Amino acid sequence: MTATEAVAKVKAAAPARLRWPHYLLIAAGLLVLLSLVRVLDGADDVTSSGTVSAALRLAVPIFLAGLGGLWAERSGVINIGLEGMMILGTWTGAWAGYQWGPWVGVLFGVLGGMLGGLLHAVATVTFGVDHIVSGVAINILGLGLTQFLAGLIFTTGEAKALGGGARQSPSVDPIRTVTLPVLSGGEIGGWKSPDWLGSLERHHWFLLSDVAGILRGLTNGMSLLTLVAILLIPVSFLVLWKTAFGLRIRSCGEDPYAAESLGVHVYRMKYAAVMISGGCSGLAGAFLVTVAAPFYQDGQTGGRGFIGLAAMIFGNWRPGGLASGSLLFGYTDAMNVRGGGQSVHALLLFVAVLLVAVAAWQAVRANRMRPQVTTDLGRREVRNATIGAALALVAAAGLLAWFLLSDSVPGELVSFTPHLTTLLVLALASQRLRMPAADGLRYRRGEAR
């Protein structure tokens, strides 16, 4: 076999890389399936503008926390202290926000998260502490410190008179929201335009009303801070993949000693990335006290930092994939707010059809690999694909039976839906994930071999 034939064989065996047209086609197919499920089950809240708006509001703090994890891990530092940095952001954001306004609160929330990032960087980069140990310590410190400060500051003087207490802060003014004129009933120069999307949504037509509901949820009453979070998706991609600064950070996460040999100041890059990570987490905390709720409250983050880590892994350490994972977790969480058991019941059929598609894909993949298998590793991959197809079919059959034999899903399972989604998504996506090669490894200047 010639070298050209060998390269061609390798390219043919490699999985095709999905690009934007493929993702758009997949999204369109999922929307058609979701619309069909809504019509069959009569669960109109599945694609209503209220559900979409709630999903976006719930997804933003998860996305921002996950973005913090992405920046840190691209530099080779594992950051499971995102939850603690978010907590610091909620307290500092509320403390400054009720005194000087919500945008000042956002700024202080970012600074509070960056303080947590700085502590994590000192421990892991300078002193070589195990990244997991340091992250757990940041989580404990963030929770304990904010509880102490809340009891010390919010229970006295003006803060107490404004409604503060040992477990919550005084109210913070909300950040202004915007509505797109003409489409979603916004105002232009004092004239209130008709709500065309809302009118179309209320007809509950197949697909057309679903598209209207989604667009209205994205254009009606959106917080300005949500717009900032959306802009961070392309900004993060451009900085990390299109600038010299981003290239240096990613090189530190792949091979810090090679980066060192090329003149990159690895310590400096890791410090910068981990502090940006803390700032993103602090921004997530500030979002919770200026958009999601008008005050700081003990236990407010609710584990969103850990779900953000799961979204980051699902997104394969990339901003676009992270945003998709965050929307998925936010959407399932919105089921607790809108529709409840009936909406989750409709999703049983939706997931069952998706599992059938996964089973078919695994079966086709196994059949394509089987004639080319010549090693034990290849046979193992074929066997795993076959087993995966069988398990997906069994799960689809179980969900379909559950859908047909019931009219709703118990409330206890509805509240568990986001966590179950986290487990299922990570299990299904695990085969295509690739973390940075030096992620979590201890680096010391001059120790390259």
Protein backbone atom coordinates (compact mmCIF):
# COMPACT_ATOMS: atom_id res chain seq x y z
CA MET A 1 0.00 0.00 0.00
CA THR A 2 1.36 3.41 -0.94
CA ALA A 3 1.51 6.37 1.44
CA THR A 4 -1.27 8.11 -0.50
CA GLU A 5 -3.55 5.08 -0.20
CA ALA A 6 -2.82 4.82 3.52
CA VAL A 7 -3.73 8.49 4.09
CA ALA A 8 -6.92 8.07 2.08
CA LYS A 9 -7.87 5.02 4.15
CA VAL A 10 -7.30 6.92 7.39
CA LYS A 11 -9.44 9.83 6.16
CA ALA A 12 -12.22 7.47 5.11
CA ALA A 13 -12.23 5.75 8.51
CA ALA A 14 -12.21 9.03 10.44
CA PRO A 15 -15.61 10.38 11.48
CA ALA A 16 -16.94 13.27 9.43
CA ARG A 17 -16.57 16.62 11.16
CA LEU A 18 -19.82 18.49 11.65
CA ARG A 19 -19.95 22.10 10.50
CA TRP A 20 -22.48 24.91 10.91
CA PRO A 21 -24.84 23.73 8.11
CA HIS A 22 -25.02 20.31 9.79
CA TYR A 23 -25.77 21.87 13.18
CA LEU A 24 -28.51 24.02 11.65
CA LEU A 25 -30.08 20.97 10.02
CA ILE A 26 -29.95 19.07 13.32
CA ALA A 27 -31.54 22.03 15.16
CA ALA A 28 -34.30 22.25 12.54
CA GLY A 29 -35.00 18.52 12.84
CA LEU A 30 -35.18 18.72 16.63
CA LEU A 31 -37.59 21.66 16.40
CA VAL A 32 -39.88 19.76 14.01
CA LEU A 33 -39.84 16.74 16.35
CA LEU A 34 -40.54 18.91 19.40
CA SER A 35 -43.44 20.60 17.61
CA LEU A 36 -44.89 17.22 16.65
CA VAL A 37 -44.63 16.00 20.24
CA ARG A 38 -46.35 19.17 21.47
CA VAL A 39 -49.26 18.67 19.09
CA LEU A 40 -49.66 14.99 19.94
CA ASP A 41 -49.61 15.50 23.73
CA GLY A 42 -51.25 18.93 23.87
CA ALA A 43 -48.41 20.31 26.04
CA ASP A 44 -48.38 23.86 24.68
CA ASP A 45 -45.86 25.06 27.27
CA VAL A 46 -43.12 22.94 25.69
CA THR A 47 -42.29 25.69 23.17
CA SER A 48 -44.15 28.66 24.65
CA SER A 49 -42.45 32.04 24.90
CA GLY A 50 -42.69 31.86 28.69
CA THR A 51 -40.80 28.57 28.76
CA VAL A 52 -38.14 29.85 26.34
CA SER A 53 -37.71 33.06 28.37
CA ALA A 54 -37.42 31.08 31.61
CA ALA A 55 -34.96 28.64 30.00
CA LEU A 56 -32.75 31.50 28.82
CA ARG A 57 -32.84 33.15 32.24
CA LEU A 58 -31.92 29.88 33.94
CA ALA A 59 -29.25 28.99 31.35
CA VAL A 60 -27.26 32.24 31.61
CA PRO A 61 -25.71 31.67 35.08
CA ILE A 62 -24.92 28.07 34.12
CA PHE A 63 -23.27 29.29 30.92
CA LEU A 64 -21.24 31.98 32.68
CA ALA A 65 -20.01 29.51 35.31
CA GLY A 66 -19.14 27.00 32.59
CA LEU A 67 -17.33 29.73 30.65
CA GLY A 68 -15.22 30.32 33.74
CA GLY A 69 -14.36 26.63 33.82
CA LEU A 70 -13.51 26.71 30.11
CA TRP A 71 -11.00 29.56 30.49
CA ALA A 72 -9.29 27.88 33.43
CA GLU A 73 -9.11 24.41 31.89
CA ARG A 74 -7.88 25.71 28.54
CA SER A 75 -4.85 26.94 30.49
CA GLY A 76 -4.42 23.55 32.20
CA VAL A 77 -6.02 24.41 35.59
CA ILE A 78 -9.04 22.42 36.74
CA ASN A 79 -11.49 24.73 38.49
CA ILE A 80 -14.19 23.00 40.51
CA GLY A 81 -14.28 26.06 42.75
CA LEU A 82 -16.73 27.74 40.35
CA GLU A 83 -19.55 27.34 42.86
CA GLY A 84 -17.60 29.18 45.57
CA MET A 85 -16.63 31.96 43.16
CA MET A 86 -20.28 32.32 42.16
CA ILE A 87 -21.23 32.63 45.83
CA LEU A 88 -18.63 35.37 46.28
CA GLY A 89 -20.10 37.10 43.23
CA THR A 90 -23.64 36.98 44.62
CA TRP A 91 -22.64 38.54 47.95
CA THR A 92 -20.34 41.26 46.60
CA GLY A 93 -22.82 42.03 43.80
CA ALA A 94 -25.71 42.43 46.24
CA TRP A 95 -23.62 44.41 48.74
CA ALA A 96 -22.60 46.97 46.12
CA GLY A 97 -25.84 46.76 44.14
CA TYR A 98 -28.25 47.87 46.84
CA GLN A 99 -26.04 50.87 47.64
CA TRP A 100 -24.85 52.13 44.23
CA GLY A 101 -27.04 50.48 41.62
CA PRO A 102 -27.21 47.16 39.73
CA TRP A 103 -24.39 47.81 37.25
CA VAL A 104 -21.99 48.68 40.04
CA GLY A 105 -23.18 45.45 41.67
CA VAL A 106 -22.28 43.56 38.49
CA LEU A 107 -18.79 45.08 38.55
CA PHE A 108 -18.26 44.15 42.19
CA GLY A 109 -19.64 40.66 41.52
CA VAL A 110 -16.97 40.17 38.84
CA LEU A 111 -14.31 41.45 41.23
CA GLY A 112 -15.51 39.10 43.98
CA GLY A 113 -15.27 36.14 41.63
CA MET A 114 -11.82 37.26 40.47
CA LEU A 115 -10.69 37.31 44.09
CA GLY A 116 -11.67 33.65 44.36
CA GLY A 117 -9.86 32.97 41.08
CA LEU A 118 -6.74 34.66 42.39
CA LEU A 119 -6.75 32.45 45.50
CA HIS A 120 -7.16 29.36 43.32
CA ALA A 121 -4.29 30.47 41.07
CA VAL A 122 -1.97 31.13 44.02
CA ALA A 123 -2.71 27.68 45.44
CA THR A 124 -2.49 25.67 42.23
CA VAL A 125 -0.03 27.58 40.02
CA THR A 126 2.39 29.02 42.58
CA PHE A 127 2.30 26.42 45.35
CA GLY A 128 1.35 23.36 43.29
CA VAL A 129 -1.64 22.37 45.44
CA ASP A 130 -3.84 19.65 43.93
CA HIS A 131 -6.45 21.39 41.77
CA ILE A 132 -9.37 19.43 43.18
CA VAL A 133 -8.35 20.10 46.78
CA SER A 134 -7.97 23.81 46.08
CA GLY A 135 -11.35 23.96 44.32
CA VAL A 136 -13.13 22.27 47.22
CA ALA A 137 -11.43 24.70 49.62
CA ILE A 138 -12.65 27.68 47.52
CA ASN A 139 -16.21 26.32 47.66
CA ILE A 140 -16.08 25.96 51.43
CA LEU A 141 -14.42 29.35 51.87
CA GLY A 142 -16.93 31.13 49.62
CA LEU A 143 -19.91 29.68 51.47
CA GLY A 144 -18.53 30.31 54.95
CA LEU A 145 -17.20 33.79 54.22
CA THR A 146 -20.42 35.09 52.69
CA GLN A 147 -22.53 33.67 55.53
CA PHE A 148 -20.25 35.41 58.03
CA LEU A 149 -20.29 38.72 56.15
CA ALA A 150 -24.07 38.60 55.67
CA GLY A 151 -24.59 38.17 59.41
CA LEU A 152 -22.08 40.93 60.11
CA ILE A 153 -23.21 43.60 57.61
CA PHE A 154 -26.79 42.93 56.53
CA THR A 155 -28.16 42.77 60.09
CA THR A 156 -27.13 46.27 61.18
CA GLY A 157 -27.73 49.90 60.28
CA GLU A 158 -29.14 50.91 56.91
CA ALA A 159 -28.93 47.38 55.48
CA LYS A 160 -31.25 46.06 58.21
CA ALA A 161 -33.65 48.98 57.76
CA LEU A 162 -33.89 48.17 54.02
CA GLY A 163 -34.86 44.56 54.66
CA GLY A 164 -31.51 42.84 55.11
CA GLY A 165 -30.95 39.93 57.45
CA ALA A 166 -28.54 37.17 58.40
CA ARG A 167 -29.50 35.14 55.32
CA GLN A 168 -30.33 37.80 52.75
CA SER A 169 -29.41 41.29 51.57
CA PRO A 170 -31.57 44.36 50.97
CA SER A 171 -33.28 44.51 47.59
CA VAL A 172 -31.24 45.41 44.51
CA ASP A 173 -32.78 47.38 41.65
CA PRO A 174 -33.20 45.13 38.60
CA ILE A 175 -31.27 45.67 35.37
CA ARG A 176 -33.41 47.11 32.59
CA THR A 177 -34.99 44.76 30.05
CA VAL A 178 -35.53 45.36 26.33
CA THR A 179 -38.18 44.14 23.91
CA LEU A 180 -37.76 44.04 20.14
CA PRO A 181 -40.26 46.47 18.58
CA VAL A 182 -42.81 45.38 15.95
CA LEU A 183 -42.28 41.62 16.47
CA SER A 184 -42.84 41.34 20.24
CA GLY A 185 -44.90 44.43 21.09
CA GLY A 186 -42.16 46.88 21.99
CA GLU A 187 -42.46 50.65 21.97
CA ILE A 188 -41.08 53.08 19.37
CA GLY A 189 -41.23 56.75 20.38
CA GLY A 190 -44.18 56.18 22.69
CA TRP A 191 -46.10 54.11 20.12
CA LYS A 192 -46.73 50.52 21.21
CA SER A 193 -46.44 48.16 18.27
CA PRO A 194 -48.65 45.07 17.94
CA ASP A 195 -47.39 41.76 19.31
CA TRP A 196 -47.28 39.81 16.06
CA LEU A 197 -45.30 36.88 17.46
CA GLY A 198 -47.57 36.59 20.49
CA SER A 199 -50.67 36.50 18.29
CA LEU A 200 -49.14 33.80 16.09
CA GLU A 201 -48.05 31.77 19.11
CA ARG A 202 -51.57 31.71 20.60
CA HIS A 203 -52.96 29.87 17.55
CA HIS A 204 -50.93 26.75 18.50
CA TRP A 205 -50.31 25.81 14.88
CA PHE A 206 -47.85 23.07 14.05
CA LEU A 207 -44.27 24.38 13.78
CA LEU A 208 -45.29 27.96 12.90
CA SER A 209 -46.53 28.74 16.42
CA ASP A 210 -43.51 26.96 17.90
CA VAL A 211 -41.10 29.15 15.92
CA ALA A 212 -43.09 32.24 16.97
CA GLY A 213 -43.01 31.19 20.63
CA ILE A 214 -39.25 30.64 20.56
CA LEU A 215 -38.56 33.95 18.80
CA ARG A 216 -40.87 35.83 21.17
CA GLY A 217 -39.16 34.27 24.19
CA LEU A 218 -35.81 35.48 22.83
CA THR A 219 -36.97 39.01 21.97
CA ASN A 220 -39.45 39.93 24.70
CA GLY A 221 -38.29 41.33 28.04
CA MET A 222 -34.64 40.30 27.73
CA SER A 223 -32.28 41.69 30.34
CA LEU A 224 -29.34 43.74 29.12
CA LEU A 225 -27.05 41.52 31.20
CA THR A 226 -28.37 38.53 29.24
CA LEU A 227 -27.30 40.28 26.05
CA VAL A 228 -23.83 40.75 27.56
CA ALA A 229 -23.67 37.02 28.33
CA ILE A 230 -24.69 36.14 24.75
CA LEU A 231 -21.98 38.44 23.36
CA LEU A 232 -19.41 36.58 25.46
CA ILE A 233 -19.87 33.49 23.24
CA PRO A 234 -18.27 34.97 20.09
CA VAL A 235 -15.90 37.14 22.12
CA SER A 236 -14.50 34.12 24.00
CA PHE A 237 -14.13 32.15 20.78
CA LEU A 238 -12.35 34.99 19.00
CA VAL A 239 -9.99 35.67 21.91
CA LEU A 240 -9.10 32.03 22.58
CA TRP A 241 -8.83 30.83 18.97
CA LYS A 242 -8.00 33.92 16.92
CA THR A 243 -5.52 35.93 19.03
CA ALA A 244 -1.94 35.41 20.19
CA PHE A 245 -3.08 35.74 23.81
CA GLY A 246 -5.59 32.92 23.38
CA LEU A 247 -3.03 30.75 21.58
CA ARG A 248 -0.61 31.15 24.51
CA ILE A 249 -3.31 30.19 27.01
CA ARG A 250 -4.32 27.11 25.03
CA SER A 251 -0.69 26.09 24.57
CA CYS A 252 -0.29 26.12 28.36
CA GLY A 253 -3.21 23.71 28.62
CA GLU A 254 -1.84 21.36 25.95
CA ASP A 255 1.91 21.32 26.68
CA PRO A 256 3.22 23.99 29.10
CA TYR A 257 6.86 22.90 28.69
CA ALA A 258 6.68 23.28 24.92
CA ALA A 259 5.10 26.69 25.44
CA GLU A 260 7.89 27.57 27.87
CA SER A 261 10.51 26.62 25.27
CA LEU A 262 8.88 29.06 22.84
CA GLY A 263 9.12 31.94 25.30
CA VAL A 264 5.59 31.87 26.75
CA HIS A 265 5.41 32.99 30.39
CA VAL A 266 3.32 30.02 31.54
CA TYR A 267 2.74 31.21 35.10
CA ARG A 268 1.47 34.56 33.86
CA MET A 269 -0.89 32.96 31.34
CA LYS A 270 -2.31 30.55 33.92
CA TYR A 271 -2.86 33.38 36.40
CA ALA A 272 -4.65 35.46 33.75
CA ALA A 273 -6.87 32.55 32.67
CA VAL A 274 -7.85 31.53 36.21
CA MET A 275 -8.66 35.12 37.19
CA ILE A 276 -10.80 35.49 34.05
CA SER A 277 -12.42 32.21 35.10
CA GLY A 278 -13.23 33.68 38.51
CA GLY A 279 -14.56 36.85 36.88
CA CYS A 280 -16.97 34.87 34.70
CA SER A 281 -18.17 32.92 37.75
CA GLY A 282 -18.58 36.15 39.70
CA LEU A 283 -20.60 37.56 36.79
CA ALA A 284 -22.84 34.49 37.04
CA GLY A 285 -23.36 35.27 40.72
CA ALA A 286 -24.09 38.94 39.95
CA PHE A 287 -26.67 37.79 37.37
CA LEU A 288 -28.49 35.89 40.11
CA VAL A 289 -28.87 38.99 42.30
CA THR A 290 -29.65 41.54 39.56
CA VAL A 291 -31.77 39.54 37.09
CA ALA A 292 -32.94 36.20 38.51
CA ALA A 293 -33.78 37.65 41.97
CA PRO A 294 -33.47 41.18 43.40
CA PHE A 295 -31.30 40.25 46.41
CA TYR A 296 -28.61 37.95 47.77
CA GLN A 297 -29.89 34.88 49.61
CA ASP A 298 -28.04 32.09 51.35
CA GLY A 299 -27.89 29.00 49.09
CA GLN A 300 -28.86 31.04 46.05
CA THR A 301 -26.46 29.39 43.59
CA GLY A 302 -28.06 25.97 44.04
CA GLY A 303 -25.19 23.97 42.54
CA ARG A 304 -25.17 25.89 39.25
CA GLY A 305 -21.37 26.00 39.32
CA PHE A 306 -21.22 22.21 39.13
CA ILE A 307 -23.88 22.08 36.40
CA GLY A 308 -21.77 24.67 34.55
CA LEU A 309 -18.84 22.25 34.68
CA ALA A 310 -21.06 19.54 33.19
CA ALA A 311 -22.17 21.94 30.43
CA MET A 312 -18.53 22.76 29.70
CA ILE A 313 -17.64 19.07 29.37
CA PHE A 314 -20.70 18.47 27.19
CA GLY A 315 -19.57 21.35 24.97
CA ASN A 316 -16.12 19.76 24.57
CA TRP A 317 -14.36 22.78 26.10
CA ARG A 318 -15.67 25.15 23.41
CA PRO A 319 -17.91 28.25 23.86
CA GLY A 320 -20.52 27.22 21.29
CA GLY A 321 -20.94 23.72 22.68
CA LEU A 322 -21.01 25.13 26.20
CA ALA A 323 -23.85 27.49 25.21
CA SER A 324 -25.82 24.55 23.75
CA GLY A 325 -25.34 22.49 26.91
CA SER A 326 -26.34 25.41 29.11
CA LEU A 327 -29.53 25.94 27.12
CA LEU A 328 -30.33 22.25 27.43
CA PHE A 329 -29.95 22.30 31.22
CA GLY A 330 -31.79 25.63 31.47
CA TYR A 331 -34.66 24.25 29.38
CA THR A 332 -35.11 21.17 31.53
CA ASP A 333 -34.92 23.36 34.64
CA ALA A 334 -37.61 25.61 33.16
CA MET A 335 -39.93 22.61 33.17
CA ASN A 336 -40.17 23.13 36.95
CA VAL A 337 -41.50 26.63 36.32
CA ARG A 338 -43.65 26.19 33.21
CA GLY A 339 -45.89 23.24 32.48
CA GLY A 340 -44.47 20.88 35.10
CA GLY A 341 -45.46 17.25 34.80
CA GLN A 342 -47.38 17.61 31.54
CA SER A 343 -44.47 19.21 29.70
CA VAL A 344 -42.00 16.62 30.99
CA HIS A 345 -44.49 13.93 29.96
CA ALA A 346 -44.33 15.22 26.38
CA LEU A 347 -40.54 15.16 26.56
CA LEU A 348 -40.68 11.41 27.29
CA LEU A 349 -41.81 10.81 23.72
CA PHE A 350 -39.26 13.32 22.42
CA VAL A 351 -36.37 11.57 24.17
CA ALA A 352 -37.67 8.14 23.12
CA VAL A 353 -37.48 9.13 19.44
CA LEU A 354 -33.99 10.58 19.96
CA LEU A 355 -32.84 7.33 21.56
CA VAL A 356 -34.13 5.37 18.57
CA ALA A 357 -32.08 7.69 16.34
CA VAL A 358 -29.01 7.12 18.56
CA ALA A 359 -29.53 3.36 18.35
CA ALA A 360 -29.76 3.51 14.55
CA TRP A 361 -26.60 5.65 14.36
CA GLN A 362 -24.67 3.24 16.61
CA ALA A 363 -25.85 0.24 14.57
CA VAL A 364 -24.80 1.86 11.27
CA ARG A 365 -21.47 2.84 12.83
CA ALA A 366 -20.84 -0.74 13.98
CA ASN A 367 -21.70 -2.14 10.53
CA ARG A 368 -19.33 0.30 8.82
CA MET A 369 -16.45 -0.50 11.16
CA ARG A 370 -16.89 -4.29 11.14
CA PRO A 371 -15.35 -5.02 7.67
CA GLN A 372 -12.27 -2.89 8.52
CA VAL A 373 -11.62 -4.35 11.99
CA THR A 374 -8.27 -6.11 12.30
CA THR A 375 -7.27 -5.46 15.92
CA ASP A 376 -8.66 -6.20 19.38
CA LEU A 377 -9.23 -2.47 19.92
CA GLY A 378 -11.34 -2.26 16.77
CA ARG A 379 -13.38 -5.32 17.79
CA ARG A 380 -13.95 -3.71 21.18
CA GLU A 381 -15.24 -0.53 19.53
CA VAL A 382 -17.63 -2.53 17.35
CA ARG A 383 -18.87 -4.42 20.40
CA ASN A 384 -19.37 -1.21 22.37
CA ALA A 385 -21.30 0.37 19.50
CA THR A 386 -23.56 -2.69 19.26
CA ILE A 387 -24.17 -2.73 23.02
CA GLY A 388 -24.87 1.03 22.94
CA ALA A 389 -27.47 0.55 20.20
CA ALA A 390 -29.19 -2.22 22.18
CA LEU A 391 -29.26 -0.17 25.40
CA ALA A 392 -30.63 2.87 23.57
CA LEU A 393 -33.44 0.75 22.12
CA VAL A 394 -34.30 -0.68 25.53
CA ALA A 395 -34.37 2.79 27.08
CA ALA A 396 -36.52 4.10 24.21
CA ALA A 397 -38.98 1.27 24.69
CA GLY A 398 -39.20 2.00 28.41
CA LEU A 399 -39.82 5.72 27.87
CA LEU A 400 -42.42 5.01 25.19
CA ALA A 401 -44.27 2.64 27.52
CA TRP A 402 -44.15 5.26 30.28
CA PHE A 403 -45.53 7.88 27.87
CA LEU A 404 -48.41 5.66 26.72
CA LEU A 405 -49.40 4.43 30.19
CA SER A 406 -49.43 7.79 31.96
CA ASP A 407 -50.84 11.30 31.56
CA SER A 408 -48.28 13.23 33.59
CA VAL A 409 -44.97 12.93 35.43
CA PRO A 410 -44.84 13.20 39.26
CA GLY A 411 -43.55 16.50 40.62
CA GLU A 412 -40.62 14.82 42.38
CA LEU A 413 -39.28 13.57 39.04
CA VAL A 414 -39.90 16.94 37.42
CA SER A 415 -37.62 18.64 39.94
CA PHE A 416 -34.97 15.95 39.32
CA THR A 417 -35.09 16.40 35.53
CA PRO A 418 -32.10 18.83 35.23
CA HIS A 419 -29.83 16.50 37.22
CA LEU A 420 -30.96 13.44 35.26
CA THR A 421 -30.35 15.33 32.03
CA THR A 422 -26.83 16.13 33.21
CA LEU A 423 -26.04 12.45 33.77
CA LEU A 424 -27.59 11.26 30.49
CA VAL A 425 -25.94 13.93 28.35
CA LEU A 426 -22.48 13.29 29.78
CA ALA A 427 -22.90 9.54 29.34
CA LEU A 428 -23.95 9.89 25.69
CA ALA A 429 -21.35 12.54 24.84
CA SER A 430 -18.38 10.89 26.56
CA GLN A 431 -17.07 9.16 23.42
CA ARG A 432 -16.38 12.38 21.51
CA LEU A 433 -14.84 14.46 24.30
CA ARG A 434 -11.24 15.63 24.35
CA MET A 435 -10.01 17.63 27.31
CA PRO A 436 -6.79 19.72 27.12
CA ALA A 437 -3.84 17.34 27.32
CA ALA A 438 -2.17 19.00 30.33
CA ASP A 439 -5.39 19.75 32.21
CA GLY A 440 -4.84 19.33 35.95
CA LEU A 441 -1.12 18.53 35.69
CA ARG A 442 1.36 20.24 37.99
CA TYR A 443 3.75 22.58 36.17
CA ARG A 444 7.14 23.78 37.40
CA ARG A 445 9.33 26.02 35.31
CA GLY A 446 12.46 24.32 33.97
CA GLU A 447 11.40 20.75 34.86
CA ALA A 448 10.83 19.60 31.27
CA ARG A 449 12.54 16.34 30.38
